[in-house]
């Protein structure tokens, strides 16, 4: 029986690359990899006790991977590859 966490970590559900051109995107992602130095306008993580806004005042350097349960992502600069928890419809 496959382990869902292994499948997610290897991107079995697919990924979606976001740039500043997309605006705010509703997504079901388990990890986000920064492509180039990346600044987020919106980064909502459902695991946060407060309901979740991760820091948007930071510049995340190229290659950084953020883990969580992300529901809304918007990129100000750079790009982000979002690894999906479930396939896109």
N, C-alpha and C. Protein backbone atom coordinates (compact mmCIF):
# COMPACT_ATOMS: atom_id res chain seq x y z
N UNK A 1 0.84 -1.17 0.00
CA UNK A 1 0.00 0.00 0.00
C UNK A 1 0.89 1.24 0.00
N UNK A 2 0.66 2.16 -0.93
CA UNK A 2 1.52 3.35 -1.00
C UNK A 2 1.33 4.28 0.21
N UNK A 3 2.39 4.92 0.57
CA UNK A 3 2.38 5.89 1.66
C UNK A 3 2.06 7.26 1.06
N UNK A 4 0.94 7.87 1.47
CA UNK A 4 0.51 9.14 0.88
C UNK A 4 1.54 10.25 1.09
N UNK A 5 2.25 10.22 2.22
CA UNK A 5 3.24 11.26 2.49
C UNK A 5 4.43 11.14 1.55
N UNK A 6 4.82 9.90 1.24
CA UNK A 6 5.90 9.70 0.26
C UNK A 6 5.45 10.19 -1.11
N UNK A 7 4.24 9.85 -1.49
CA UNK A 7 3.72 10.27 -2.79
C UNK A 7 3.68 11.79 -2.90
N UNK A 8 3.21 12.45 -1.84
CA UNK A 8 3.16 13.91 -1.86
C UNK A 8 4.55 14.50 -1.96
N UNK A 9 5.50 13.99 -1.18
CA UNK A 9 6.83 14.57 -1.16
C UNK A 9 7.56 14.41 -2.48
N UNK A 10 7.16 13.41 -3.27
CA UNK A 10 7.78 13.23 -4.57
C UNK A 10 6.94 13.83 -5.70
N UNK A 11 5.90 14.56 -5.36
CA UNK A 11 5.10 15.28 -6.35
C UNK A 11 4.19 14.40 -7.18
N UNK A 12 3.71 13.29 -6.63
CA UNK A 12 2.88 12.37 -7.39
C UNK A 12 1.58 13.00 -7.87
N UNK A 13 1.08 14.00 -7.15
CA UNK A 13 -0.17 14.66 -7.55
C UNK A 13 0.09 15.78 -8.56
N UNK A 14 1.35 16.03 -8.87
CA UNK A 14 1.69 17.06 -9.83
C UNK A 14 2.14 18.35 -9.15
N UNK A 15 2.45 19.32 -9.96
CA UNK A 15 2.88 20.61 -9.43
C UNK A 15 2.37 21.71 -10.34
N UNK A 16 2.40 22.91 -9.81
CA UNK A 16 2.00 24.09 -10.56
C UNK A 16 3.00 25.19 -10.25
N UNK A 17 3.56 25.79 -11.29
CA UNK A 17 4.53 26.87 -11.10
C UNK A 17 3.81 28.21 -11.18
N UNK A 18 4.03 29.04 -10.17
CA UNK A 18 3.38 30.35 -10.10
C UNK A 18 4.40 31.46 -10.20
N UNK A 19 4.04 32.54 -10.88
CA UNK A 19 4.84 33.75 -10.95
C UNK A 19 3.95 34.94 -10.58
N UNK A 20 4.51 36.12 -10.58
CA UNK A 20 3.72 37.31 -10.23
C UNK A 20 2.60 37.56 -11.25
N UNK A 21 2.70 37.01 -12.44
CA UNK A 21 1.69 37.23 -13.48
C UNK A 21 0.35 36.56 -13.15
N UNK A 22 0.35 35.52 -12.31
CA UNK A 22 -0.90 34.80 -12.00
C UNK A 22 -1.78 35.47 -10.97
N UNK A 23 -1.27 36.35 -10.16
CA UNK A 23 -2.07 36.92 -9.08
C UNK A 23 -2.28 35.89 -7.99
N UNK A 24 -3.29 36.06 -7.17
CA UNK A 24 -3.56 35.16 -6.06
C UNK A 24 -4.20 33.88 -6.59
N UNK A 25 -3.67 32.73 -6.17
CA UNK A 25 -4.14 31.44 -6.66
C UNK A 25 -4.58 30.57 -5.48
N UNK A 26 -5.79 30.03 -5.59
CA UNK A 26 -6.26 29.07 -4.60
C UNK A 26 -5.73 27.72 -5.02
N UNK A 27 -5.10 27.03 -4.05
CA UNK A 27 -4.40 25.80 -4.38
C UNK A 27 -4.41 24.87 -3.17
N UNK A 28 -4.22 23.59 -3.38
CA UNK A 28 -4.09 22.62 -2.30
C UNK A 28 -2.69 22.03 -2.42
N UNK A 29 -1.72 22.69 -1.77
CA UNK A 29 -0.31 22.31 -1.91
C UNK A 29 0.27 21.86 -0.58
N UNK A 30 1.18 20.88 -0.65
CA UNK A 30 1.83 20.36 0.56
C UNK A 30 3.26 20.87 0.69
N UNK A 31 3.80 21.45 -0.38
CA UNK A 31 5.16 22.01 -0.34
C UNK A 31 5.28 23.07 -1.42
N UNK A 32 6.14 24.06 -1.17
CA UNK A 32 6.40 25.11 -2.15
C UNK A 32 7.91 25.28 -2.25
N UNK A 33 8.43 25.17 -3.47
CA UNK A 33 9.86 25.37 -3.72
C UNK A 33 10.06 26.71 -4.41
N UNK A 34 10.95 27.52 -3.86
CA UNK A 34 11.24 28.83 -4.45
C UNK A 34 12.19 28.67 -5.62
N UNK A 35 11.84 29.28 -6.73
CA UNK A 35 12.67 29.25 -7.93
C UNK A 35 13.21 30.65 -8.10
N UNK A 36 14.49 30.82 -7.83
CA UNK A 36 15.05 32.16 -7.75
C UNK A 36 14.65 32.77 -6.42
N UNK A 37 15.18 33.93 -6.10
CA UNK A 37 14.78 34.60 -4.87
C UNK A 37 13.32 35.00 -5.00
N UNK A 38 12.50 34.62 -4.02
CA UNK A 38 11.05 34.75 -4.14
C UNK A 38 10.48 35.53 -2.96
N UNK A 39 9.56 36.44 -3.28
CA UNK A 39 8.81 37.18 -2.27
C UNK A 39 7.33 36.87 -2.53
N UNK A 40 6.61 36.54 -1.45
CA UNK A 40 5.19 36.23 -1.57
C UNK A 40 4.35 37.42 -1.13
N UNK A 41 3.28 37.70 -1.88
CA UNK A 41 2.30 38.70 -1.47
C UNK A 41 1.29 38.03 -0.53
N UNK A 42 0.95 36.77 -0.82
CA UNK A 42 0.05 35.98 0.00
C UNK A 42 0.62 34.58 0.10
N UNK A 43 0.63 34.06 1.31
CA UNK A 43 1.08 32.68 1.53
C UNK A 43 0.31 32.16 2.73
N UNK A 44 -0.82 31.50 2.47
CA UNK A 44 -1.70 31.05 3.54
C UNK A 44 -1.49 29.57 3.81
N UNK A 45 -1.17 29.26 5.06
CA UNK A 45 -0.89 27.90 5.50
C UNK A 45 -1.97 27.51 6.50
N UNK A 46 -2.78 26.52 6.17
CA UNK A 46 -3.88 26.08 7.02
C UNK A 46 -3.43 25.42 8.30
N UNK A 47 -2.14 25.16 8.46
CA UNK A 47 -1.65 24.53 9.68
C UNK A 47 -1.38 25.54 10.79
N UNK A 48 -1.31 26.81 10.44
CA UNK A 48 -1.06 27.85 11.44
C UNK A 48 -2.25 27.95 12.40
N UNK A 49 -1.99 28.06 13.67
CA UNK A 49 -3.06 28.16 14.67
C UNK A 49 -3.93 29.39 14.43
N UNK A 50 -3.35 30.44 13.88
CA UNK A 50 -4.09 31.68 13.64
C UNK A 50 -4.90 31.63 12.36
N UNK A 51 -4.81 30.52 11.62
CA UNK A 51 -5.53 30.44 10.37
C UNK A 51 -4.64 30.81 9.23
N UNK A 52 -3.51 31.23 9.52
CA UNK A 52 -2.48 31.22 8.70
C UNK A 52 -1.79 32.04 7.76
N UNK A 53 -1.33 33.17 8.02
CA UNK A 53 -0.53 33.87 7.03
C UNK A 53 0.94 33.69 7.38
N UNK A 54 1.64 33.01 6.52
CA UNK A 54 3.09 32.90 6.70
C UNK A 54 3.71 34.24 6.32
N UNK A 55 4.94 34.46 6.68
CA UNK A 55 5.57 35.77 6.49
C UNK A 55 5.70 36.15 5.02
N UNK A 56 5.19 37.32 4.71
CA UNK A 56 5.30 37.85 3.35
C UNK A 56 6.32 38.97 3.29
N UNK A 57 6.98 39.24 4.40
CA UNK A 57 7.97 40.32 4.42
C UNK A 57 9.39 39.81 4.18
N UNK A 58 9.52 38.50 3.96
CA UNK A 58 10.84 37.90 3.76
C UNK A 58 11.10 37.62 2.29
N UNK A 59 12.39 37.60 1.94
CA UNK A 59 12.80 37.10 0.64
C UNK A 59 13.31 35.68 0.85
N UNK A 60 12.63 34.71 0.27
CA UNK A 60 13.03 33.31 0.37
C UNK A 60 14.02 33.04 -0.76
N UNK A 61 15.20 32.54 -0.41
CA UNK A 61 16.25 32.35 -1.41
C UNK A 61 15.98 31.14 -2.31
N UNK A 62 16.62 31.15 -3.45
CA UNK A 62 16.49 30.10 -4.45
C UNK A 62 16.69 28.72 -3.84
N UNK A 63 15.75 27.82 -4.09
CA UNK A 63 15.87 26.44 -3.64
C UNK A 63 15.20 26.13 -2.32
N UNK A 64 14.84 27.14 -1.55
CA UNK A 64 14.17 26.91 -0.26
C UNK A 64 12.85 26.18 -0.50
N UNK A 65 12.56 25.19 0.33
CA UNK A 65 11.30 24.46 0.25
C UNK A 65 10.53 24.69 1.55
N UNK A 66 9.29 25.14 1.40
CA UNK A 66 8.40 25.37 2.54
C UNK A 66 7.41 24.22 2.59
N UNK A 67 7.24 23.62 3.75
CA UNK A 67 6.31 22.51 3.91
C UNK A 67 5.12 22.97 4.73
N UNK A 68 3.94 22.47 4.40
CA UNK A 68 2.73 22.83 5.12
C UNK A 68 1.51 22.39 4.36
N UNK A 69 0.41 23.04 4.61
CA UNK A 69 -0.84 22.79 3.88
C UNK A 69 -1.30 24.14 3.36
N UNK A 70 -0.80 24.49 2.20
CA UNK A 70 -1.02 25.83 1.64
C UNK A 70 -2.31 25.87 0.84
N UNK A 71 -3.07 26.95 1.05
CA UNK A 71 -4.36 27.08 0.36
C UNK A 71 -4.42 28.29 -0.57
N UNK A 72 -3.64 29.32 -0.29
CA UNK A 72 -3.62 30.51 -1.15
C UNK A 72 -2.18 30.98 -1.30
N UNK A 73 -1.77 31.20 -2.55
CA UNK A 73 -0.40 31.63 -2.82
C UNK A 73 -0.45 32.75 -3.86
N UNK A 74 0.33 33.80 -3.61
CA UNK A 74 0.49 34.89 -4.56
C UNK A 74 1.95 35.33 -4.50
N UNK A 75 2.59 35.39 -5.65
CA UNK A 75 4.01 35.71 -5.74
C UNK A 75 4.19 37.16 -6.18
N UNK A 76 5.01 37.92 -5.42
CA UNK A 76 5.33 39.30 -5.79
C UNK A 76 6.49 39.33 -6.77
N UNK A 77 7.54 38.55 -6.46
CA UNK A 77 8.70 38.45 -7.37
C UNK A 77 9.29 37.06 -7.26
N UNK A 78 9.98 36.66 -8.30
CA UNK A 78 10.51 35.30 -8.36
C UNK A 78 9.43 34.35 -8.85
N UNK A 79 9.57 33.08 -8.49
CA UNK A 79 8.59 32.08 -8.88
C UNK A 79 8.54 31.00 -7.81
N UNK A 80 7.42 30.27 -7.78
CA UNK A 80 7.24 29.22 -6.78
C UNK A 80 6.64 27.99 -7.46
N UNK A 81 7.25 26.85 -7.20
CA UNK A 81 6.68 25.57 -7.69
C UNK A 81 5.91 24.97 -6.54
N UNK A 82 4.60 24.84 -6.72
CA UNK A 82 3.72 24.31 -5.68
C UNK A 82 3.47 22.84 -5.95
N UNK A 83 3.84 21.99 -4.98
CA UNK A 83 3.59 20.55 -5.09
C UNK A 83 2.21 20.26 -4.52
N UNK A 84 1.36 19.68 -5.36
CA UNK A 84 -0.06 19.54 -5.02
C UNK A 84 -0.32 18.37 -4.09
N UNK A 85 -1.25 18.58 -3.16
CA UNK A 85 -1.70 17.50 -2.27
C UNK A 85 -2.66 16.58 -3.00
N UNK A 86 -3.38 17.13 -3.95
CA UNK A 86 -4.30 16.36 -4.77
C UNK A 86 -4.22 16.90 -6.20
N UNK A 87 -4.48 16.06 -7.19
CA UNK A 87 -4.36 16.51 -8.58
C UNK A 87 -5.31 17.66 -8.90
N UNK A 88 -4.90 18.51 -9.85
CA UNK A 88 -5.77 19.59 -10.32
C UNK A 88 -6.96 18.98 -11.06
N UNK A 89 -8.12 19.59 -10.92
CA UNK A 89 -9.31 19.09 -11.61
C UNK A 89 -9.30 19.53 -13.05
